[in-house]
All heavy atoms as atom14 arrays in JSON, in Angstrom:
{
  "sequence": "HVIRGGTPLKAKLMTGEKLELRELQIAADRDAARF",
  "atom14_mask": [
    [1, 1, 1, 1, 1, 1, 1, 1, 1, 1, 0, 0, 0, 0],
    [1, 1, 1, 1, 1, 1, 1, 0, 0, 0, 0, 0, 0, 0],
    [1, 1, 1, 1, 1, 1, 1, 1, 0, 0, 0, 0, 0, 0],
    [1, 1, 1, 1, 1, 1, 1, 1, 1, 1, 1, 0, 0, 0],
    [1, 1, 1, 1, 0, 0, 0, 0, 0, 0, 0, 0, 0, 0],
    [1, 1, 1, 1, 0, 0, 0, 0, 0, 0, 0, 0, 0, 0],
    [1, 1, 1, 1, 1, 1, 1, 0, 0, 0, 0, 0, 0, 0],
    [1, 1, 1, 1, 1, 1, 1, 0, 0, 0, 0, 0, 0, 0],
    [1, 1, 1, 1, 1, 1, 1, 1, 0, 0, 0, 0, 0, 0],
    [1, 1, 1, 1, 1, 1, 1, 1, 1, 0, 0, 0, 0, 0],
    [1, 1, 1, 1, 1, 0, 0, 0, 0, 0, 0, 0, 0, 0],
    [1, 1, 1, 1, 1, 1, 1, 1, 1, 0, 0, 0, 0, 0],
    [1, 1, 1, 1, 1, 1, 1, 1, 0, 0, 0, 0, 0, 0],
    [1, 1, 1, 1, 1, 1, 1, 1, 0, 0, 0, 0, 0, 0],
    [1, 1, 1, 1, 1, 1, 1, 0, 0, 0, 0, 0, 0, 0],
    [1, 1, 1, 1, 0, 0, 0, 0, 0, 0, 0, 0, 0, 0],
    [1, 1, 1, 1, 1, 1, 1, 1, 1, 0, 0, 0, 0, 0],
    [1, 1, 1, 1, 1, 1, 1, 1, 1, 0, 0, 0, 0, 0],
    [1, 1, 1, 1, 1, 1, 1, 1, 0, 0, 0, 0, 0, 0],
    [1, 1, 1, 1, 1, 1, 1, 1, 1, 0, 0, 0, 0, 0],
    [1, 1, 1, 1, 1, 1, 1, 1, 0, 0, 0, 0, 0, 0],
    [1, 1, 1, 1, 1, 1, 1, 1, 1, 1, 1, 0, 0, 0],
    [1, 1, 1, 1, 1, 1, 1, 1, 1, 0, 0, 0, 0, 0],
    [1, 1, 1, 1, 1, 1, 1, 1, 0, 0, 0, 0, 0, 0],
    [1, 1, 1, 1, 1, 1, 1, 1, 1, 0, 0, 0, 0, 0],
    [1, 1, 1, 1, 1, 1, 1, 1, 0, 0, 0, 0, 0, 0],
    [1, 1, 1, 1, 1, 0, 0, 0, 0, 0, 0, 0, 0, 0],
    [1, 1, 1, 1, 1, 0, 0, 0, 0, 0, 0, 0, 0, 0],
    [1, 1, 1, 1, 1, 1, 1, 1, 0, 0, 0, 0, 0, 0],
    [1, 1, 1, 1, 1, 1, 1, 1, 1, 1, 1, 0, 0, 0],
    [1, 1, 1, 1, 1, 1, 1, 1, 0, 0, 0, 0, 0, 0],
    [1, 1, 1, 1, 1, 0, 0, 0, 0, 0, 0, 0, 0, 0],
    [1, 1, 1, 1, 1, 0, 0, 0, 0, 0, 0, 0, 0, 0],
    [1, 1, 1, 1, 1, 1, 1, 1, 1, 1, 1, 0, 0, 0],
    [1, 1, 1, 1, 1, 1, 1, 1, 1, 1, 1, 0, 0, 0]
  ],
  "atom14_positions": [
    [[7.2, -1.25, -5.79], [7.09, -2.5, -6.54], [6.22, -3.53, -5.84], [5.75, -4.47, -6.46], [8.48, -3.08, -6.86], [9.17, -3.76, -5.73], [10.19, -3.18, -5.0], [9.02, -5.0, -5.22], [10.62, -4.03, -4.09], [9.93, -5.14, -4.19], [0.0, 0.0, 0.0], [0.0, 0.0, 0.0], [0.0, 0.0, 0.0], [0.0, 0.0, 0.0]],
    [[5.97, -3.36, -4.54], [5.08, -4.27, -3.82], [3.63, -4.08, -4.26], [2.9, -5.04, -4.48], [5.2, -4.08, -2.3], [4.1, -4.84, -1.56], [6.57, -4.56, -1.81], [0.0, 0.0, 0.0], [0.0, 0.0, 0.0], [0.0, 0.0, 0.0], [0.0, 0.0, 0.0], [0.0, 0.0, 0.0], [0.0, 0.0, 0.0], [0.0, 0.0, 0.0]],
    [[3.21, -2.82, -4.42], [1.82, -2.56, -4.8], [1.62, -2.59, -6.31], [0.5, -2.52, -6.8], [1.32, -1.22, -4.22], [2.09, -0.04, -4.82], [1.45, -1.22, -2.71], [1.51, 1.32, -4.43], [0.0, 0.0, 0.0], [0.0, 0.0, 0.0], [0.0, 0.0, 0.0], [0.0, 0.0, 0.0], [0.0, 0.0, 0.0], [0.0, 0.0, 0.0]],
    [[2.73, -2.7, -7.07], [2.64, -2.73, -8.52], [1.91, -3.98, -9.02], [1.49, -4.05, -10.17], [4.03, -2.68, -9.15], [4.06, -2.31, -10.61], [5.49, -2.33, -11.15], [6.34, -1.36, -10.49], [7.65, -1.24, -10.69], [8.25, -2.07, -11.53], [8.35, -0.33, -10.06], [0.0, 0.0, 0.0], [0.0, 0.0, 0.0], [0.0, 0.0, 0.0]],
    [[1.76, -4.98, -8.14], [1.08, -6.21, -8.53], [-0.35, -6.0, -8.98], [-0.9, -6.84, -9.69], [0.0, 0.0, 0.0], [0.0, 0.0, 0.0], [0.0, 0.0, 0.0], [0.0, 0.0, 0.0], [0.0, 0.0, 0.0], [0.0, 0.0, 0.0], [0.0, 0.0, 0.0], [0.0, 0.0, 0.0], [0.0, 0.0, 0.0], [0.0, 0.0, 0.0]],
    [[-0.97, -4.88, -8.57], [-2.31, -4.57, -9.07], [-3.43, -4.87, -8.1], [-3.23, -5.43, -7.03], [0.0, 0.0, 0.0], [0.0, 0.0, 0.0], [0.0, 0.0, 0.0], [0.0, 0.0, 0.0], [0.0, 0.0, 0.0], [0.0, 0.0, 0.0], [0.0, 0.0, 0.0], [0.0, 0.0, 0.0], [0.0, 0.0, 0.0], [0.0, 0.0, 0.0]],
    [[-4.62, -4.51, -8.51], [-5.81, -4.69, -7.68], [-6.38, -6.09, -7.88], [-6.17, -6.7, -8.94], [-6.88, -3.64, -8.04], [-7.14, -3.72, -9.44], [-6.41, -2.25, -7.68], [0.0, 0.0, 0.0], [0.0, 0.0, 0.0], [0.0, 0.0, 0.0], [0.0, 0.0, 0.0], [0.0, 0.0, 0.0], [0.0, 0.0, 0.0], [0.0, 0.0, 0.0]],
    [[-7.14, -6.61, -6.9], [-7.47, -5.99, -5.61], [-6.27, -5.95, -4.67], [-5.49, -6.89, -4.62], [-8.56, -6.9, -5.06], [-8.28, -8.23, -5.67], [-7.73, -7.95, -7.04], [0.0, 0.0, 0.0], [0.0, 0.0, 0.0], [0.0, 0.0, 0.0], [0.0, 0.0, 0.0], [0.0, 0.0, 0.0], [0.0, 0.0, 0.0], [0.0, 0.0, 0.0]],
    [[-6.14, -4.83, -3.96], [-5.04, -4.64, -3.03], [-5.6, -4.62, -1.61], [-6.53, -3.87, -1.3], [-4.32, -3.32, -3.32], [-3.07, -3.05, -2.5], [-1.9, -3.88, -3.01], [-2.7, -1.57, -2.53], [0.0, 0.0, 0.0], [0.0, 0.0, 0.0], [0.0, 0.0, 0.0], [0.0, 0.0, 0.0], [0.0, 0.0, 0.0], [0.0, 0.0, 0.0]],
    [[-5.03, -5.47, -0.74], [-5.5, -5.55, 0.65], [-4.32, -5.47, 1.59], [-3.23, -5.95, 1.28], [-6.24, -6.88, 0.87], [-7.47, -7.08, -0.01], [-8.09, -8.44, 0.23], [-9.28, -8.67, -0.69], [-9.89, -10.01, -0.48], [0.0, 0.0, 0.0], [0.0, 0.0, 0.0], [0.0, 0.0, 0.0], [0.0, 0.0, 0.0], [0.0, 0.0, 0.0]],
    [[-4.54, -4.84, 2.74], [-3.5, -4.73, 3.75], [-4.09, -5.1, 5.11], [-5.17, -4.65, 5.48], [-2.93, -3.31, 3.78], [0.0, 0.0, 0.0], [0.0, 0.0, 0.0], [0.0, 0.0, 0.0], [0.0, 0.0, 0.0], [0.0, 0.0, 0.0], [0.0, 0.0, 0.0], [0.0, 0.0, 0.0], [0.0, 0.0, 0.0], [0.0, 0.0, 0.0]],
    [[-3.35, -5.93, 5.83], [-3.83, -6.39, 7.14], [-2.66, -6.38, 8.12], [-1.58, -6.88, 7.83], [-4.39, -7.81, 7.02], [-4.96, -8.35, 8.31], [-5.38, -9.82, 8.17], [-6.51, -9.98, 7.18], [-7.0, -11.39, 7.16], [0.0, 0.0, 0.0], [0.0, 0.0, 0.0], [0.0, 0.0, 0.0], [0.0, 0.0, 0.0], [0.0, 0.0, 0.0]],
    [[-2.89, -5.78, 9.3], [-1.87, -5.76, 10.34], [-1.6, -7.17, 10.84], [-2.43, -8.07, 10.72], [-2.3, -4.88, 11.5], [-2.37, -3.37, 11.25], [-2.95, -2.65, 12.45], [-0.99, -2.8, 10.91], [0.0, 0.0, 0.0], [0.0, 0.0, 0.0], [0.0, 0.0, 0.0], [0.0, 0.0, 0.0], [0.0, 0.0, 0.0], [0.0, 0.0, 0.0]],
    [[-0.42, -7.36, 11.45], [-0.09, -8.67, 12.0], [-1.01, -9.05, 13.15], [-1.1, -10.22, 13.51], [1.37, -8.67, 12.47], [2.37, -8.4, 11.36], [2.15, -9.45, 9.9], [2.4, -11.07, 10.61], [0.0, 0.0, 0.0], [0.0, 0.0, 0.0], [0.0, 0.0, 0.0], [0.0, 0.0, 0.0], [0.0, 0.0, 0.0], [0.0, 0.0, 0.0]],
    [[-1.72, -8.08, 13.68], [-2.7, -8.36, 14.72], [-3.99, -8.93, 14.12], [-4.88, -9.36, 14.85], [-3.05, -7.08, 15.49], [-3.56, -6.11, 14.56], [-1.83, -6.51, 16.18], [0.0, 0.0, 0.0], [0.0, 0.0, 0.0], [0.0, 0.0, 0.0], [0.0, 0.0, 0.0], [0.0, 0.0, 0.0], [0.0, 0.0, 0.0], [0.0, 0.0, 0.0]],
    [[-4.1, -8.91, 12.8], [-5.3, -9.39, 12.13], [-6.24, -8.29, 11.7], [-7.2, -8.54, 10.96], [0.0, 0.0, 0.0], [0.0, 0.0, 0.0], [0.0, 0.0, 0.0], [0.0, 0.0, 0.0], [0.0, 0.0, 0.0], [0.0, 0.0, 0.0], [0.0, 0.0, 0.0], [0.0, 0.0, 0.0], [0.0, 0.0, 0.0], [0.0, 0.0, 0.0]],
    [[-5.96, -7.07, 12.11], [-6.84, -5.94, 11.78], [-6.64, -5.49, 10.34], [-5.51, -5.26, 9.9], [-6.56, -4.78, 12.73], [-7.48, -3.58, 12.52], [-7.17, -2.44, 13.48], [-6.27, -2.61, 14.34], [-7.81, -1.38, 13.36], [0.0, 0.0, 0.0], [0.0, 0.0, 0.0], [0.0, 0.0, 0.0], [0.0, 0.0, 0.0], [0.0, 0.0, 0.0]],
    [[-7.73, -5.35, 9.59], [-7.67, -4.88, 8.21], [-7.49, -3.36, 8.2], [-8.07, -2.65, 9.02], [-8.93, -5.26, 7.44], [-9.09, -6.76, 7.25], [-10.35, -7.08, 6.46], [-10.51, -8.58, 6.27], [-11.75, -8.92, 5.52], [0.0, 0.0, 0.0], [0.0, 0.0, 0.0], [0.0, 0.0, 0.0], [0.0, 0.0, 0.0], [0.0, 0.0, 0.0]],
    [[-6.73, -2.88, 7.24], [-6.48, -1.44, 7.13], [-7.32, -0.83, 6.02], [-7.47, -1.42, 4.95], [-5.0, -1.19, 6.84], [-4.01, -1.62, 7.93], [-2.58, -1.36, 7.47], [-4.29, -0.88, 9.24], [0.0, 0.0, 0.0], [0.0, 0.0, 0.0], [0.0, 0.0, 0.0], [0.0, 0.0, 0.0], [0.0, 0.0, 0.0], [0.0, 0.0, 0.0]],
    [[-7.85, 0.34, 6.29], [-8.61, 1.08, 5.29], [-7.68, 2.11, 4.65], [-7.24, 3.06, 5.3], [-9.81, 1.77, 5.94], [-10.73, 2.46, 4.93], [-11.94, 3.1, 5.59], [-12.19, 2.81, 6.78], [-12.63, 3.89, 4.91], [0.0, 0.0, 0.0], [0.0, 0.0, 0.0], [0.0, 0.0, 0.0], [0.0, 0.0, 0.0], [0.0, 0.0, 0.0]],
    [[-7.37, 1.89, 3.36], [-6.39, 2.72, 2.67], [-7.08, 3.81, 1.87], [-8.05, 3.56, 1.17], [-5.53, 1.86, 1.74], [-4.88, 0.64, 2.39], [-4.08, -0.14, 1.36], [-4.0, 1.04, 3.57], [0.0, 0.0, 0.0], [0.0, 0.0, 0.0], [0.0, 0.0, 0.0], [0.0, 0.0, 0.0], [0.0, 0.0, 0.0], [0.0, 0.0, 0.0]],
    [[-6.54, 5.0, 1.91], [-7.12, 6.13, 1.19], [-6.11, 6.72, 0.2], [-5.68, 6.04, -0.73], [-7.61, 7.19, 2.18], [-8.79, 6.73, 3.05], [-10.07, 6.57, 2.23], [-11.16, 6.05, 3.04], [-11.98, 6.8, 3.77], [-11.79, 8.12, 3.8], [-12.96, 6.26, 4.46], [0.0, 0.0, 0.0], [0.0, 0.0, 0.0], [0.0, 0.0, 0.0]],
    [[-5.7, 7.94, 0.41], [-4.84, 8.65, -0.53], [-3.53, 7.89, -0.78], [-2.91, 7.37, 0.15], [-4.51, 10.05, 0.02], [-3.6, 10.87, -0.88], [-3.19, 12.18, -0.22], [-3.78, 12.54, 0.82], [-2.29, 12.86, -0.76], [0.0, 0.0, 0.0], [0.0, 0.0, 0.0], [0.0, 0.0, 0.0], [0.0, 0.0, 0.0], [0.0, 0.0, 0.0]],
    [[-3.13, 7.85, -2.05], [-1.88, 7.19, -2.44], [-0.85, 8.23, -2.85], [-1.14, 9.15, -3.61], [-2.12, 6.24, -3.61], [-0.87, 5.64, -4.28], [-0.08, 4.78, -3.3], [-1.27, 4.82, -5.52], [0.0, 0.0, 0.0], [0.0, 0.0, 0.0], [0.0, 0.0, 0.0], [0.0, 0.0, 0.0], [0.0, 0.0, 0.0], [0.0, 0.0, 0.0]],
    [[0.37, 8.08, -2.34], [1.48, 8.94, -2.73], [2.66, 8.07, -3.14], [2.93, 7.03, -2.52], [1.89, 9.87, -1.59], [0.82, 10.9, -1.24], [1.29, 11.89, -0.18], [2.25, 11.65, 0.54], [0.6, 13.02, -0.1], [0.0, 0.0, 0.0], [0.0, 0.0, 0.0], [0.0, 0.0, 0.0], [0.0, 0.0, 0.0], [0.0, 0.0, 0.0]],
    [[3.37, 8.48, -4.19], [4.53, 7.77, -4.71], [5.76, 8.66, -4.56], [5.69, 9.86, -4.82], [4.35, 7.39, -6.19], [3.04, 6.62, -6.41], [5.55, 6.57, -6.69], [2.99, 5.27, -5.74], [0.0, 0.0, 0.0], [0.0, 0.0, 0.0], [0.0, 0.0, 0.0], [0.0, 0.0, 0.0], [0.0, 0.0, 0.0], [0.0, 0.0, 0.0]],
    [[6.88, 8.08, -4.13], [8.11, 8.85, -4.0], [8.59, 9.27, -5.38], [8.53, 8.5, -6.34], [9.18, 8.03, -3.3], [0.0, 0.0, 0.0], [0.0, 0.0, 0.0], [0.0, 0.0, 0.0], [0.0, 0.0, 0.0], [0.0, 0.0, 0.0], [0.0, 0.0, 0.0], [0.0, 0.0, 0.0], [0.0, 0.0, 0.0], [0.0, 0.0, 0.0]],
    [[9.09, 10.49, -5.47], [9.5, 11.04, -6.77], [10.77, 10.4, -7.31], [10.97, 10.32, -8.52], [9.7, 12.55, -6.65], [0.0, 0.0, 0.0], [0.0, 0.0, 0.0], [0.0, 0.0, 0.0], [0.0, 0.0, 0.0], [0.0, 0.0, 0.0], [0.0, 0.0, 0.0], [0.0, 0.0, 0.0], [0.0, 0.0, 0.0], [0.0, 0.0, 0.0]],
    [[11.65, 9.93, -6.42], [12.97, 9.49, -6.89], [13.44, 8.16, -6.31], [14.64, 7.86, -6.34], [14.01, 10.56, -6.59], [14.16, 10.82, -5.09], [13.31, 10.33, -4.3], [15.13, 11.49, -4.7], [0.0, 0.0, 0.0], [0.0, 0.0, 0.0], [0.0, 0.0, 0.0], [0.0, 0.0, 0.0], [0.0, 0.0, 0.0], [0.0, 0.0, 0.0]],
    [[12.53, 7.36, -5.74], [12.95, 6.09, -5.17], [11.78, 5.11, -5.13], [10.62, 5.49, -5.31], [13.53, 6.29, -3.77], [12.55, 6.84, -2.75], [13.27, 7.49, -1.58], [13.88, 8.75, -1.98], [14.63, 9.5, -1.18], [14.89, 9.12, 0.06], [15.13, 10.65, -1.61], [0.0, 0.0, 0.0], [0.0, 0.0, 0.0], [0.0, 0.0, 0.0]],
    [[12.07, 3.83, -4.91], [11.06, 2.77, -4.9], [10.33, 2.76, -3.57], [10.57, 1.93, -2.7], [11.75, 1.43, -5.15], [10.77, 0.27, -5.28], [9.56, 0.49, -5.12], [11.24, -0.87, -5.53], [0.0, 0.0, 0.0], [0.0, 0.0, 0.0], [0.0, 0.0, 0.0], [0.0, 0.0, 0.0], [0.0, 0.0, 0.0], [0.0, 0.0, 0.0]],
    [[9.42, 3.71, -3.41], [8.66, 3.83, -2.17], [7.27, 4.37, -2.46], [7.08, 5.15, -3.41], [9.38, 4.73, -1.17], [0.0, 0.0, 0.0], [0.0, 0.0, 0.0], [0.0, 0.0, 0.0], [0.0, 0.0, 0.0], [0.0, 0.0, 0.0], [0.0, 0.0, 0.0], [0.0, 0.0, 0.0], [0.0, 0.0, 0.0], [0.0, 0.0, 0.0]],
    [[6.32, 3.94, -1.66], [4.94, 4.41, -1.78], [4.32, 4.42, -0.4], [4.79, 3.73, 0.52], [4.14, 3.5, -2.72], [0.0, 0.0, 0.0], [0.0, 0.0, 0.0], [0.0, 0.0, 0.0], [0.0, 0.0, 0.0], [0.0, 0.0, 0.0], [0.0, 0.0, 0.0], [0.0, 0.0, 0.0], [0.0, 0.0, 0.0], [0.0, 0.0, 0.0]],
    [[3.25, 5.2, -0.25], [2.55, 5.19, 1.02], [1.08, 5.52, 0.82], [0.71, 6.29, -0.07], [3.18, 6.18, 2.01], [3.04, 7.65, 1.64], [3.69, 8.53, 2.71], [3.44, 9.96, 2.47], [3.82, 10.93, 3.29], [4.5, 10.65, 4.4], [3.54, 12.2, 3.02], [0.0, 0.0, 0.0], [0.0, 0.0, 0.0], [0.0, 0.0, 0.0]],
    [[0.24, 4.89, 1.65], [-1.2, 5.13, 1.67], [-1.56, 5.81, 2.99], [-1.06, 5.41, 4.06], [-1.98, 3.83, 1.59], [-1.99, 3.16, 0.25], [-1.07, 2.17, -0.04], [-2.94, 3.51, -0.71], [-1.08, 1.53, -1.27], [-2.96, 2.88, -1.93], [-2.03, 1.89, -2.22], [0.0, 0.0, 0.0], [0.0, 0.0, 0.0], [0.0, 0.0, 0.0]]
  ]
}
């Protein structure tokens, strides 16, 4: 539900480093996702 907000989607570490996201996977039976 965090990424459901839509594009553009950006992720940045608390250190300030931007993350380069590739393959997306969604959990089959729970509210979870991972890039």
